[in-house]
Structure formats: structure tokens, C-alpha cells
């Protein structure tokens, strides 16, 4: 029974092992000189992934609504962070918006809009941009890399095979009975 419990634990913990951590702005971090519309391009953010914001004392991070993102309004933040090394777990599919509330920073481009997609077995996801998030020319944002081991190309299909996991769970339950 102990072996079956251990296998069950490993089975349930496996999806978390394949989540990616994205360092916002890559090696530059969360700065007033970053181009976050370009940074997000080509990345697929999946439920379970994390965003790492690294920044100095003159910055912070606020999760805001679409309207507050569009208007650089920091008065109604959903969540606020100021520790300089903020990790945000992407726990739900949908659009998410982040700004730096320091006066002038958001208006200068220190804002990030992402779309989080639901975790899927082994089918690829198509990168997308939250609606209304385009560069001034009307084109979607472009280019960037991830920084978390195990590194897989951005937008690569998830390596978690849920069909296999369900079969393994069935075998574990069979052993237990």
C-alpha cells in the first residue's frame, strides 16, 4: 500500500514539474526601459507557469484590470507587489495585466499583458495576445526567450501526457484493490 501511495503522489505532482518560469524582461528584468509588448510575443503562458518579476526599489508590480492597464491607473490594483523579486503563479486561464505604478513608468511602457491558456495534455497551444493589446502600428508584440530549466522552446507543446497519467492512476488503483 505504501508503494501505491508513493506512485499516486508522484502522479499527482508530475504536472507541476513541467511548468515553466518566465523571467519578465529576461536578463533586463522589470525596468522602465523594457519592451514588454515585444517580450511577450511567441510565448505561450499556461496555467501552472510562473512569472518572475525582478526589479529595483523604484519599481513595483500591480496586477490590474484591462481598463486600468489601458489607462495606466494604479488606484484599483487587484494585487500589489514590492519585494523586488516577485513570483506570480498563473493559476487561471484568461488575460492578465500588470503595470508599474510609479508615476510615468506605465505610460512609458512598463506594462505587461498576457493571455494564460489552460493546461492541455500533449496538444500544442497557439500563442495569443490579450484582445486590444497591440503595438502602436497595430501588429502583435514580438520575440523573447524563457529562462527556466527544464528549458523548452516557447510555445512548445506540454510534455505532460494526461492519458498516460490516467492509465497509470488506474494501474495504481488496481494494485491497491
Protein backbone atom coordinates (compact mmCIF):
# COMPACT_ATOMS: atom_id res chain seq x y z
CA UNK A 1 0.00 0.00 0.00
CA UNK A 2 2.92 2.37 0.71
CA UNK A 3 4.26 1.92 -2.85
CA UNK A 4 0.82 2.64 -4.30
CA UNK A 5 0.55 5.83 -2.23
CA UNK A 6 4.01 6.95 -3.37
CA UNK A 7 3.11 6.31 -7.01
CA UNK A 8 -0.14 8.21 -6.59
CA UNK A 9 1.72 11.17 -5.07
CA UNK A 10 4.22 11.21 -7.95
CA UNK A 11 1.40 11.01 -10.46
CA UNK A 12 -0.39 14.00 -8.98
CA UNK A 13 2.80 16.06 -8.60
CA UNK A 14 4.03 15.42 -12.17
CA UNK A 15 2.18 18.32 -13.90
CA UNK A 16 3.87 20.89 -11.65
CA UNK A 17 7.29 19.59 -12.68
CA UNK A 18 6.66 20.68 -16.25
CA UNK A 19 5.58 24.25 -15.54
CA UNK A 20 7.82 27.00 -16.87
CA UNK A 21 9.05 30.09 -15.10
CA UNK A 22 9.30 33.17 -17.29
CA UNK A 23 11.57 35.98 -16.13
CA UNK A 24 9.74 39.10 -17.26
CA UNK A 25 12.12 41.11 -19.46
CA UNK A 26 14.61 38.23 -19.45
CA UNK A 27 18.03 39.33 -18.13
CA UNK A 28 16.99 43.02 -18.04
CA UNK A 29 14.14 42.31 -15.65
CA UNK A 30 11.18 44.61 -14.92
CA UNK A 31 12.56 48.04 -15.83
CA UNK A 32 11.29 51.30 -17.26
CA UNK A 33 13.38 50.68 -20.39
CA UNK A 34 11.89 47.24 -21.19
CA UNK A 35 9.76 46.45 -24.22
CA UNK A 36 7.19 44.07 -22.76
CA UNK A 37 4.94 44.03 -25.81
CA UNK A 38 7.89 42.56 -27.72
CA UNK A 39 8.94 40.31 -24.85
CA UNK A 40 5.57 38.51 -24.70
CA UNK A 41 5.49 37.64 -28.41
CA UNK A 42 5.92 33.95 -29.21
CA UNK A 43 5.40 32.81 -25.63
CA UNK A 44 2.58 30.56 -24.53
CA UNK A 45 1.70 31.08 -20.88
CA UNK A 46 -0.03 28.05 -19.42
CA UNK A 47 -1.87 27.51 -16.16
CA UNK A 48 0.79 26.42 -13.66
CA UNK A 49 3.58 28.53 -15.18
CA UNK A 50 5.06 31.40 -13.18
CA UNK A 51 6.16 34.93 -13.95
CA UNK A 52 9.25 36.20 -12.15
CA UNK A 53 9.45 39.98 -11.89
CA UNK A 54 12.90 41.22 -10.79
CA UNK A 55 13.17 44.95 -10.14
CA UNK A 56 14.83 47.68 -8.11
CA UNK A 57 13.40 49.87 -5.35
CA UNK A 58 11.93 52.50 -7.66
CA UNK A 59 9.57 49.92 -9.19
CA UNK A 60 6.82 47.58 -8.08
CA UNK A 61 4.24 45.36 -9.79
CA UNK A 62 0.49 45.66 -9.76
CA UNK A 63 -1.97 43.25 -11.29
CA UNK A 64 -4.78 45.37 -12.72
CA UNK A 65 -7.93 45.14 -14.84
CA UNK A 66 -7.87 45.65 -18.61
CA UNK A 67 -9.31 49.14 -18.22
CA UNK A 68 -6.70 50.11 -15.60
CA UNK A 69 -3.97 48.61 -17.82
CA UNK A 70 -5.17 50.64 -20.81
CA UNK A 71 -5.33 53.84 -18.73
CA UNK A 72 -2.27 53.18 -16.53
CA UNK A 73 -4.47 53.52 -13.46
CA UNK A 74 -2.92 52.07 -10.32
CA UNK A 75 -5.69 53.12 -7.95
CA UNK A 76 -7.66 49.86 -8.18
CA UNK A 77 -4.95 47.18 -8.15
CA UNK A 78 -6.12 43.57 -7.87
CA UNK A 79 -2.79 42.68 -6.22
CA UNK A 80 0.34 44.71 -5.43
CA UNK A 81 3.94 43.53 -5.01
CA UNK A 82 7.06 45.43 -3.98
CA UNK A 83 9.59 42.83 -2.83
CA UNK A 84 11.91 43.21 -5.85
CA UNK A 85 11.70 39.51 -6.67
CA UNK A 86 8.03 38.71 -7.25
CA UNK A 87 6.86 35.28 -8.42
CA UNK A 88 3.28 35.11 -9.70
CA UNK A 89 1.74 31.72 -10.39
CA UNK A 90 -0.59 31.68 -13.37
CA UNK A 91 -3.48 29.76 -11.86
CA UNK A 92 -6.40 30.52 -14.21
CA UNK A 93 -6.80 30.79 -17.98
CA UNK A 94 -7.55 34.22 -19.40
CA UNK A 95 -5.99 37.65 -19.80
CA UNK A 96 -3.79 39.14 -17.07
CA UNK A 97 -2.49 42.70 -16.90
CA UNK A 98 0.46 44.12 -14.94
CA UNK A 99 1.80 47.65 -14.57
CA UNK A 100 4.45 49.52 -12.63
CA UNK A 101 2.54 52.10 -10.56
CA UNK A 102 5.49 54.51 -10.26
CA UNK A 103 4.40 57.80 -11.85
CA UNK A 104 5.20 57.82 -15.57
CA UNK A 105 6.51 54.25 -15.78
CA UNK A 106 3.35 52.59 -17.11
CA UNK A 107 2.76 55.42 -19.59
CA UNK A 108 6.38 54.93 -20.70
CA UNK A 109 5.70 51.25 -21.50
CA UNK A 110 6.32 49.47 -18.20
CA UNK A 111 3.23 47.31 -18.51
CA UNK A 112 2.62 43.71 -19.46
CA UNK A 113 -0.46 41.99 -20.90
CA UNK A 114 -0.53 38.20 -21.25
CA UNK A 115 -3.06 35.51 -22.06
CA UNK A 116 -2.90 32.35 -19.96
CA UNK A 117 -4.14 29.17 -21.62
CA UNK A 118 -5.49 26.10 -19.88
CA UNK A 119 -3.04 23.25 -19.40
CA UNK A 120 -3.53 20.59 -22.06
CA UNK A 121 -2.26 17.04 -22.42
CA UNK A 122 0.12 16.94 -25.34
CA UNK A 123 -1.51 19.22 -27.88
CA UNK A 124 0.26 22.45 -28.83
CA UNK A 125 -1.16 25.82 -27.87
CA UNK A 126 -1.24 28.82 -30.11
CA UNK A 127 0.35 31.92 -28.59
CA UNK A 128 -2.09 34.77 -28.30
CA UNK A 129 -2.19 38.35 -27.16
CA UNK A 130 -4.96 39.72 -24.95
CA UNK A 131 -7.54 41.49 -27.10
CA UNK A 132 -6.72 45.14 -27.56
CA UNK A 133 -3.01 44.57 -26.84
CA UNK A 134 -1.13 45.59 -29.91
CA UNK A 135 1.80 47.78 -30.67
CA UNK A 136 1.11 51.31 -31.94
CA UNK A 137 1.39 50.04 -35.52
CA UNK A 138 -1.42 47.54 -34.83
CA UNK A 139 0.86 44.50 -35.08
CA UNK A 140 1.11 41.93 -32.32
CA UNK A 141 4.12 42.12 -29.98
CA UNK A 142 7.30 40.21 -30.96
CA UNK A 143 10.22 37.98 -29.70
CA UNK A 144 11.80 36.71 -26.45
CA UNK A 145 13.05 33.69 -24.53
CA UNK A 146 12.36 31.82 -21.34
CA UNK A 147 14.85 31.35 -18.55
CA UNK A 148 13.70 28.36 -16.51
CA UNK A 149 15.03 24.81 -16.58
CA UNK A 150 13.95 22.49 -17.97
CA UNK A 151 14.04 24.79 -20.93
CA UNK A 152 11.73 24.07 -23.81
CA UNK A 153 11.08 26.35 -26.75
CA UNK A 154 8.38 28.95 -26.13
CA UNK A 155 5.05 27.70 -27.35
CA UNK A 156 6.26 24.08 -27.32
CA UNK A 157 3.60 21.53 -26.53
CA UNK A 158 3.29 20.48 -22.93
CA UNK A 159 5.27 17.36 -22.13
CA UNK A 160 2.66 16.12 -19.70
CA UNK A 161 0.70 13.24 -21.19
CA UNK A 162 -2.50 13.08 -19.17
CA UNK A 163 -3.71 9.94 -20.95
CA UNK A 164 -0.66 8.09 -19.70
CA UNK A 165 -1.16 9.55 -16.24
CA UNK A 166 -4.78 8.37 -16.11
CA UNK A 167 -3.70 4.87 -17.19
CA UNK A 168 -1.01 4.87 -14.52
CA UNK A 169 -3.54 6.02 -11.92
CA UNK A 170 -5.79 3.13 -12.97
CA UNK A 171 -2.90 0.70 -12.50
CA UNK A 172 -2.15 2.13 -9.05
CA UNK A 173 -5.78 1.81 -8.01
CA UNK A 174 -5.77 -1.75 -9.37
CA UNK A 175 -2.73 -2.60 -7.24
CA UNK A 176 -4.36 -1.12 -4.16
CA UNK A 177 -7.55 -3.20 -4.51
